[in-house]
Amino acid sequence: MRAEGDQEDWTRHRREVFETKERALRAAREAEHEKATAMIREGVSRFEHAGIPPVPLRARPYRGGGTIRTSLIGWYLKQDRSLAVDREGRYYVMRVDGGLRSRLQGATPAPGPAPLIVGRGARDGDTFRLEELLEMRLQDPVPA
């Protein structure tokens, strides 16, 4: 049987281990986002240099059909228009609440952390390296 002090030491040690792992994971995510954002900004520059115009971006509701206006202008990364980037190099998952207010007034998704591997862990198994996806859109842009 453990003494009460041993239990407290073990609990404190486990908490420290957990916090250390959490900090390392957060730092890795931030580093990935910074690297991916640099790639996106380079991709945006290449789109502009190639004369590929940005388009008004529309989002799909979480439930239901149709699309919803957004205030965003940029480029879709996937043919299904589920991911996009704007002129400033921000990354968006083009999903929003599909309530009546959104349908009437429009809605804008918040930018999210840009990944180096797009679609990792997604149910459809459709994964791409970000640099490959940007190159595909340079060669075959998604029309408005």
N, C-alpha and C. Protein backbone atom coordinates (compact mmCIF):
# COMPACT_ATOMS: atom_id res chain seq x y z
N MET A 1 0.84 -1.18 0.00
CA MET A 1 0.00 0.00 0.00
C MET A 1 0.89 1.25 0.00
N ARG A 2 0.54 2.19 -0.84
CA ARG A 2 1.34 3.42 -0.94
C ARG A 2 1.01 4.38 0.19
N ALA A 3 2.03 5.07 0.61
CA ALA A 3 1.83 6.10 1.61
C ALA A 3 1.19 7.31 0.92
N GLU A 4 0.56 8.14 1.71
CA GLU A 4 -0.13 9.30 1.16
C GLU A 4 0.84 10.23 0.42
N GLY A 5 2.04 10.41 0.93
CA GLY A 5 3.06 11.24 0.28
C GLY A 5 3.48 10.67 -1.06
N ASP A 6 3.60 9.33 -1.12
CA ASP A 6 3.95 8.68 -2.39
C ASP A 6 2.87 8.93 -3.44
N GLN A 7 1.63 8.85 -3.02
CA GLN A 7 0.50 9.09 -3.95
C GLN A 7 0.54 10.52 -4.47
N GLU A 8 0.79 11.47 -3.60
CA GLU A 8 0.86 12.88 -4.02
C GLU A 8 2.02 13.09 -4.99
N ASP A 9 3.19 12.47 -4.70
CA ASP A 9 4.34 12.58 -5.60
C ASP A 9 4.02 11.99 -6.97
N TRP A 10 3.37 10.82 -6.96
CA TRP A 10 3.01 10.17 -8.23
C TRP A 10 2.04 11.05 -9.01
N THR A 11 1.04 11.61 -8.35
CA THR A 11 0.06 12.48 -9.00
C THR A 11 0.73 13.72 -9.57
N ARG A 12 1.62 14.33 -8.78
CA ARG A 12 2.34 15.52 -9.24
C ARG A 12 3.22 15.17 -10.45
N HIS A 13 3.90 14.05 -10.40
CA HIS A 13 4.75 13.61 -11.50
C HIS A 13 3.92 13.39 -12.77
N ARG A 14 2.80 12.72 -12.66
CA ARG A 14 1.92 12.46 -13.81
C ARG A 14 1.43 13.79 -14.41
N ARG A 15 1.06 14.74 -13.57
CA ARG A 15 0.61 16.05 -14.04
C ARG A 15 1.74 16.76 -14.78
N GLU A 16 2.96 16.71 -14.26
CA GLU A 16 4.10 17.35 -14.92
C GLU A 16 4.38 16.70 -16.27
N VAL A 17 4.30 15.37 -16.33
CA VAL A 17 4.51 14.66 -17.60
C VAL A 17 3.45 15.08 -18.61
N PHE A 18 2.22 15.10 -18.18
CA PHE A 18 1.12 15.50 -19.06
C PHE A 18 1.32 16.93 -19.56
N GLU A 19 1.64 17.87 -18.68
CA GLU A 19 1.85 19.26 -19.07
C GLU A 19 3.02 19.41 -20.03
N THR A 20 4.09 18.67 -19.81
CA THR A 20 5.25 18.72 -20.71
C THR A 20 4.88 18.22 -22.09
N LYS A 21 4.15 17.12 -22.16
CA LYS A 21 3.71 16.58 -23.46
C LYS A 21 2.77 17.55 -24.16
N GLU A 22 1.88 18.15 -23.41
CA GLU A 22 0.93 19.11 -23.98
C GLU A 22 1.66 20.33 -24.56
N ARG A 23 2.66 20.85 -23.85
CA ARG A 23 3.44 21.98 -24.36
C ARG A 23 4.18 21.60 -25.64
N ALA A 24 4.76 20.40 -25.66
CA ALA A 24 5.49 19.94 -26.86
C ALA A 24 4.54 19.78 -28.04
N LEU A 25 3.37 19.24 -27.80
CA LEU A 25 2.38 19.08 -28.87
C LEU A 25 1.92 20.43 -29.40
N ARG A 26 1.67 21.36 -28.51
CA ARG A 26 1.25 22.72 -28.91
C ARG A 26 2.36 23.40 -29.73
N ALA A 27 3.60 23.25 -29.30
CA ALA A 27 4.72 23.84 -30.03
C ALA A 27 4.86 23.22 -31.42
N ALA A 28 4.67 21.91 -31.51
CA ALA A 28 4.75 21.23 -32.82
C ALA A 28 3.64 21.71 -33.75
N ARG A 29 2.42 21.87 -33.21
CA ARG A 29 1.30 22.37 -34.03
C ARG A 29 1.57 23.79 -34.51
N GLU A 30 2.10 24.62 -33.64
CA GLU A 30 2.40 26.00 -34.03
C GLU A 30 3.49 26.04 -35.10
N ALA A 31 4.50 25.20 -34.96
CA ALA A 31 5.58 25.15 -35.96
C ALA A 31 5.03 24.66 -37.30
N GLU A 32 4.15 23.66 -37.27
CA GLU A 32 3.55 23.16 -38.50
C GLU A 32 2.72 24.26 -39.16
N HIS A 33 1.93 24.97 -38.37
CA HIS A 33 1.10 26.06 -38.90
C HIS A 33 1.96 27.14 -39.54
N GLU A 34 3.05 27.52 -38.89
CA GLU A 34 3.92 28.56 -39.45
C GLU A 34 4.53 28.11 -40.78
N LYS A 35 4.98 26.89 -40.85
CA LYS A 35 5.57 26.37 -42.09
C LYS A 35 4.50 26.29 -43.18
N ALA A 36 3.31 25.79 -42.83
CA ALA A 36 2.23 25.68 -43.80
C ALA A 36 1.78 27.06 -44.28
N THR A 37 1.71 28.03 -43.38
CA THR A 37 1.30 29.38 -43.76
C THR A 37 2.31 29.99 -44.74
N ALA A 38 3.58 29.73 -44.52
CA ALA A 38 4.60 30.22 -45.46
C ALA A 38 4.39 29.60 -46.84
N MET A 39 4.07 28.29 -46.88
CA MET A 39 3.79 27.61 -48.16
C MET A 39 2.55 28.22 -48.84
N ILE A 40 1.53 28.49 -48.04
CA ILE A 40 0.30 29.06 -48.60
C ILE A 40 0.59 30.44 -49.18
N ARG A 41 1.33 31.26 -48.46
CA ARG A 41 1.64 32.60 -48.97
C ARG A 41 2.44 32.52 -50.27
N GLU A 42 3.36 31.57 -50.35
CA GLU A 42 4.10 31.37 -51.59
C GLU A 42 3.15 30.90 -52.70
N GLY A 43 2.22 30.01 -52.35
CA GLY A 43 1.23 29.53 -53.32
C GLY A 43 0.35 30.66 -53.83
N VAL A 44 -0.10 31.52 -52.94
CA VAL A 44 -0.92 32.67 -53.32
C VAL A 44 -0.14 33.57 -54.28
N SER A 45 1.12 33.79 -53.99
CA SER A 45 1.96 34.60 -54.87
C SER A 45 2.06 33.95 -56.25
N ARG A 46 2.21 32.63 -56.27
CA ARG A 46 2.30 31.91 -57.54
C ARG A 46 0.98 31.98 -58.30
N PHE A 47 -0.16 31.88 -57.59
CA PHE A 47 -1.46 32.00 -58.24
C PHE A 47 -1.58 33.37 -58.91
N GLU A 48 -1.21 34.41 -58.16
CA GLU A 48 -1.31 35.78 -58.69
C GLU A 48 -0.37 35.97 -59.88
N HIS A 49 0.84 35.46 -59.76
CA HIS A 49 1.83 35.59 -60.83
C HIS A 49 1.37 34.85 -62.09
N ALA A 50 0.66 33.73 -61.90
CA ALA A 50 0.16 32.95 -63.04
C ALA A 50 -1.13 33.54 -63.62
N GLY A 51 -1.64 34.61 -62.99
CA GLY A 51 -2.86 35.23 -63.49
C GLY A 51 -4.13 34.50 -63.10
N ILE A 52 -4.07 33.69 -62.07
CA ILE A 52 -5.26 32.98 -61.59
C ILE A 52 -5.98 33.92 -60.62
N PRO A 53 -7.13 34.44 -61.02
CA PRO A 53 -7.80 35.43 -60.17
C PRO A 53 -8.45 34.79 -58.95
N PRO A 54 -8.46 35.51 -57.84
CA PRO A 54 -9.21 35.02 -56.67
C PRO A 54 -10.70 35.10 -56.98
N VAL A 55 -11.47 34.28 -56.30
CA VAL A 55 -12.91 34.24 -56.53
C VAL A 55 -13.64 34.47 -55.21
N PRO A 56 -14.89 34.94 -55.27
CA PRO A 56 -15.69 35.01 -54.03
C PRO A 56 -15.89 33.59 -53.50
N LEU A 57 -15.59 33.40 -52.24
CA LEU A 57 -15.67 32.06 -51.65
C LEU A 57 -17.04 31.86 -50.98
N ARG A 58 -17.58 30.68 -51.17
CA ARG A 58 -18.85 30.30 -50.56
C ARG A 58 -18.60 29.12 -49.64
N ALA A 59 -19.38 29.04 -48.59
CA ALA A 59 -19.24 27.95 -47.61
C ALA A 59 -20.46 27.03 -47.69
N ARG A 60 -20.27 25.82 -47.24
CA ARG A 60 -21.38 24.87 -47.15
C ARG A 60 -21.84 24.80 -45.69
N PRO A 61 -23.13 24.62 -45.51
CA PRO A 61 -23.63 24.49 -44.12
C PRO A 61 -23.24 23.13 -43.55
N TYR A 62 -23.16 23.06 -42.23
CA TYR A 62 -22.87 21.79 -41.57
C TYR A 62 -23.93 20.77 -41.91
N ARG A 63 -25.18 21.24 -41.99
CA ARG A 63 -26.29 20.35 -42.36
C ARG A 63 -27.09 21.03 -43.45
N GLY A 64 -27.64 20.22 -44.32
CA GLY A 64 -28.46 20.76 -45.39
C GLY A 64 -27.64 21.00 -46.64
N GLY A 65 -28.31 21.49 -47.66
CA GLY A 65 -27.65 21.69 -48.94
C GLY A 65 -27.43 23.15 -49.25
N GLY A 66 -26.95 23.38 -50.45
CA GLY A 66 -26.71 24.74 -50.91
C GLY A 66 -25.40 25.30 -50.39
N THR A 67 -25.18 26.56 -50.69
CA THR A 67 -23.99 27.25 -50.21
C THR A 67 -24.40 28.57 -49.59
N ILE A 68 -23.49 29.14 -48.84
CA ILE A 68 -23.75 30.38 -48.11
C ILE A 68 -22.67 31.39 -48.47
N ARG A 69 -23.11 32.63 -48.74
CA ARG A 69 -22.17 33.70 -49.06
C ARG A 69 -21.21 33.93 -47.89
N THR A 70 -19.99 34.30 -48.24
CA THR A 70 -19.02 34.74 -47.23
C THR A 70 -18.44 36.06 -47.72
N SER A 71 -17.72 36.72 -46.87
CA SER A 71 -17.03 37.96 -47.25
C SER A 71 -15.63 37.67 -47.78
N LEU A 72 -15.29 36.40 -47.91
CA LEU A 72 -13.94 36.00 -48.30
C LEU A 72 -13.75 36.00 -49.81
N ILE A 73 -12.54 36.33 -50.21
CA ILE A 73 -12.13 36.22 -51.61
C ILE A 73 -10.80 35.47 -51.58
N GLY A 74 -10.70 34.46 -52.42
CA GLY A 74 -9.47 33.67 -52.42
C GLY A 74 -9.54 32.56 -53.43
N TRP A 75 -8.93 31.45 -53.09
CA TRP A 75 -8.83 30.30 -53.98
C TRP A 75 -9.23 29.05 -53.21
N TYR A 76 -10.02 28.19 -53.86
CA TYR A 76 -10.34 26.89 -53.28
C TYR A 76 -9.14 25.97 -53.45
N LEU A 77 -8.88 25.15 -52.46
CA LEU A 77 -7.78 24.19 -52.54
C LEU A 77 -8.23 22.83 -53.06
N LYS A 78 -9.49 22.51 -52.86
CA LYS A 78 -10.00 21.22 -53.31
C LYS A 78 -11.16 21.45 -54.28
N GLN A 79 -11.32 20.52 -55.20
CA GLN A 79 -12.39 20.62 -56.20
C GLN A 79 -13.76 20.67 -55.55
N ASP A 80 -13.93 20.04 -54.40
CA ASP A 80 -15.25 20.05 -53.74
C ASP A 80 -15.50 21.35 -52.97
N ARG A 81 -14.55 22.27 -53.03
CA ARG A 81 -14.65 23.60 -52.43
C ARG A 81 -14.79 23.58 -50.91
N SER A 82 -14.26 22.55 -50.30
CA SER A 82 -14.35 22.42 -48.84
C SER A 82 -13.21 23.14 -48.11
N LEU A 83 -12.13 23.46 -48.82
CA LEU A 83 -10.98 24.15 -48.23
C LEU A 83 -10.59 25.30 -49.13
N ALA A 84 -10.12 26.39 -48.52
CA ALA A 84 -9.74 27.55 -49.31
C ALA A 84 -8.66 28.34 -48.58
N VAL A 85 -8.04 29.24 -49.33
CA VAL A 85 -7.10 30.21 -48.77
C VAL A 85 -7.49 31.58 -49.28
N ASP A 86 -7.19 32.61 -48.48
CA ASP A 86 -7.48 33.96 -48.93
C ASP A 86 -6.19 34.65 -49.37
N ARG A 87 -6.32 35.90 -49.77
CA ARG A 87 -5.17 36.65 -50.30
C ARG A 87 -4.06 36.84 -49.27
N GLU A 88 -4.41 36.83 -48.00
CA GLU A 88 -3.41 37.01 -46.95
C GLU A 88 -2.75 35.70 -46.54
N GLY A 89 -3.15 34.60 -47.16
CA GLY A 89 -2.54 33.31 -46.86
C GLY A 89 -3.17 32.60 -45.68
N ARG A 90 -4.39 32.99 -45.31
CA ARG A 90 -5.09 32.29 -44.23
C ARG A 90 -5.81 31.07 -44.81
N TYR A 91 -5.92 30.05 -44.00
CA TYR A 91 -6.48 28.75 -44.38
C TYR A 91 -7.88 28.61 -43.79
N TYR A 92 -8.83 28.15 -44.61
CA TYR A 92 -10.22 28.03 -44.17
C TYR A 92 -10.80 26.66 -44.49
N VAL A 93 -11.53 26.12 -43.56
CA VAL A 93 -12.42 25.00 -43.82
C VAL A 93 -13.76 25.66 -44.10
N MET A 94 -14.28 25.46 -45.29
CA MET A 94 -15.45 26.22 -45.76
C MET A 94 -16.76 25.59 -45.29
N ARG A 95 -16.93 25.56 -43.98
CA ARG A 95 -18.15 25.07 -43.35
C ARG A 95 -18.62 26.11 -42.35
N VAL A 96 -19.93 26.35 -42.33
CA VAL A 96 -20.52 27.31 -41.41
C VAL A 96 -21.87 26.80 -40.94
N ASP A 97 -22.40 27.46 -39.92
CA ASP A 97 -23.75 27.16 -39.46
C ASP A 97 -24.71 27.50 -40.60
N GLY A 98 -25.66 26.67 -40.85
CA GLY A 98 -26.57 26.89 -41.97
C GLY A 98 -27.92 27.41 -41.56
N GLY A 99 -28.00 28.11 -40.44
CA GLY A 99 -29.27 28.64 -39.98
C GLY A 99 -29.82 29.72 -40.90
N LEU A 100 -31.04 30.14 -40.62
CA LEU A 100 -31.72 31.14 -41.44
C LEU A 100 -30.92 32.43 -41.52
N ARG A 101 -30.39 32.88 -40.40
CA ARG A 101 -29.60 34.13 -40.40
C ARG A 101 -28.41 34.02 -41.36
N SER A 102 -27.69 32.90 -41.31
CA SER A 102 -26.54 32.70 -42.21
C SER A 102 -26.98 32.68 -43.66
N ARG A 103 -28.09 32.04 -43.93
CA ARG A 103 -28.57 31.95 -45.30
C ARG A 103 -29.00 33.31 -45.83
N LEU A 104 -29.53 34.16 -44.96
CA LEU A 104 -29.97 35.49 -45.41
C LEU A 104 -28.84 36.52 -45.43
N GLN A 105 -28.03 36.52 -44.40
CA GLN A 105 -27.00 37.55 -44.26
C GLN A 105 -25.61 37.10 -44.68
N GLY A 106 -25.44 35.80 -44.87
CA GLY A 106 -24.11 35.28 -45.16
C GLY A 106 -23.39 34.97 -43.86
N ALA A 107 -22.30 34.28 -43.98
CA ALA A 107 -21.49 33.90 -42.81
C ALA A 107 -20.06 33.71 -43.28
N THR A 108 -19.15 33.88 -42.38
CA THR A 108 -17.75 33.71 -42.75
C THR A 108 -17.07 32.77 -41.77
N PRO A 109 -16.50 31.68 -42.27
CA PRO A 109 -15.78 30.78 -41.36
C PRO A 109 -14.54 31.47 -40.82
N ALA A 110 -14.14 31.08 -39.65
CA ALA A 110 -12.91 31.62 -39.07
C ALA A 110 -11.72 30.89 -39.67
N PRO A 111 -10.61 31.60 -39.87
CA PRO A 111 -9.42 30.89 -40.36
C PRO A 111 -8.96 29.89 -39.31
N GLY A 112 -8.38 28.81 -39.80
CA GLY A 112 -7.90 27.78 -38.89
C GLY A 112 -6.41 27.56 -39.07
N PRO A 113 -5.85 26.73 -38.21
CA PRO A 113 -4.43 26.42 -38.35
C PRO A 113 -4.19 25.63 -39.64
N ALA A 114 -3.23 26.07 -40.41
CA ALA A 114 -2.93 25.42 -41.68
C ALA A 114 -2.09 24.17 -41.43
N PRO A 115 -2.50 23.04 -42.01
CA PRO A 115 -1.74 21.80 -41.84
C PRO A 115 -0.77 21.56 -42.99
N LEU A 116 0.28 20.79 -42.73
CA LEU A 116 1.18 20.38 -43.81
C LEU A 116 0.60 19.19 -44.58
N ILE A 117 -0.21 18.39 -43.88
CA ILE A 117 -0.91 17.27 -44.51
C ILE A 117 -2.40 17.59 -44.42
N VAL A 118 -3.01 17.87 -45.57
CA VAL A 118 -4.41 18.26 -45.63
C VAL A 118 -5.27 17.00 -45.65
N GLY A 119 -6.24 16.93 -44.76
CA GLY A 119 -7.15 15.80 -44.71
C GLY A 119 -6.68 14.68 -43.81
N ARG A 120 -5.61 14.87 -43.09
CA ARG A 120 -5.10 13.82 -42.18
C ARG A 120 -6.18 13.49 -41.15
N GLY A 121 -6.54 12.23 -41.07
CA GLY A 121 -7.55 11.81 -40.11
C GLY A 121 -8.98 11.97 -40.61
N ALA A 122 -9.16 12.45 -41.83
CA ALA A 122 -10.52 12.63 -42.35
C ALA A 122 -11.12 11.29 -42.71
N ARG A 123 -12.44 11.22 -42.67
CA ARG A 123 -13.12 9.95 -42.94
C ARG A 123 -13.04 9.53 -44.40
N ASP A 124 -12.91 10.50 -45.32
CA ASP A 124 -12.91 10.12 -46.73
C ASP A 124 -11.55 9.59 -47.20
N GLY A 125 -10.53 9.68 -46.36
CA GLY A 125 -9.22 9.16 -46.72
C GLY A 125 -8.51 9.98 -47.78
N ASP A 126 -9.03 11.16 -48.07
CA ASP A 126 -8.50 12.03 -49.11
C ASP A 126 -7.43 12.94 -48.49
N THR A 127 -6.17 12.48 -48.48
CA THR A 127 -5.10 13.28 -47.89
C THR A 127 -4.11 13.72 -48.95
N PHE A 128 -3.58 14.92 -48.77
CA PHE A 128 -2.61 15.51 -49.68
C PHE A 128 -1.57 16.25 -48.88
N ARG A 129 -0.36 16.26 -49.37
CA ARG A 129 0.63 17.18 -48.81
C ARG A 129 0.23 18.57 -49.29
N LEU A 130 0.32 19.56 -48.44
CA LEU A 130 -0.11 20.91 -48.78
C LEU A 130 0.58 21.42 -50.04
N GLU A 131 1.87 21.17 -50.16
CA GLU A 131 2.58 21.66 -51.34
C GLU A 131 2.05 21.02 -52.62
N GLU A 132 1.66 19.75 -52.56
CA GLU A 132 1.07 19.08 -53.73
C GLU A 132 -0.28 19.69 -54.08
N LEU A 133 -1.09 19.96 -53.07
CA LEU A 133 -2.41 20.54 -53.28
C LEU A 133 -2.30 21.93 -53.90
N LEU A 134 -1.36 22.72 -53.42
CA LEU A 134 -1.15 24.06 -54.00
C LEU A 134 -0.70 23.95 -55.46
N GLU A 135 0.16 23.00 -55.74
CA GLU A 135 0.63 22.79 -57.12
C GLU A 135 -0.51 22.33 -58.01
N MET A 136 -1.36 21.44 -57.50
CA MET A 136 -2.52 21.00 -58.29
C MET A 136 -3.43 22.17 -58.63
N ARG A 137 -3.64 23.07 -57.68
CA ARG A 137 -4.51 24.22 -57.94
C ARG A 137 -3.85 25.23 -58.87
N LEU A 138 -2.54 25.26 -58.88
CA LEU A 138 -1.83 26.12 -59.82
C LEU A 138 -2.05 25.59 -61.25
N GLN A 139 -2.02 24.28 -61.39
CA GLN A 139 -2.20 23.65 -62.71
C GLN A 139 -3.68 23.56 -63.10
N ASP A 140 -4.56 23.40 -62.12
CA ASP A 140 -5.98 23.19 -62.38
C ASP A 140 -6.82 23.92 -61.33
N PRO A 141 -6.96 25.26 -61.47
CA PRO A 141 -7.70 26.03 -60.49
C PRO A 141 -9.18 25.62 -60.44
N VAL A 142 -9.79 25.78 -59.27
CA VAL A 142 -11.22 25.53 -59.12
C VAL A 142 -11.94 26.80 -59.56
N PRO A 143 -12.84 26.69 -60.56
CA PRO A 143 -13.53 27.90 -61.04
C PRO A 143 -14.54 28.43 -60.02
N ALA A 144 -14.94 29.66 -60.22
CA ALA A 144 -15.90 30.32 -59.31
C ALA A 144 -17.25 29.64 -59.34
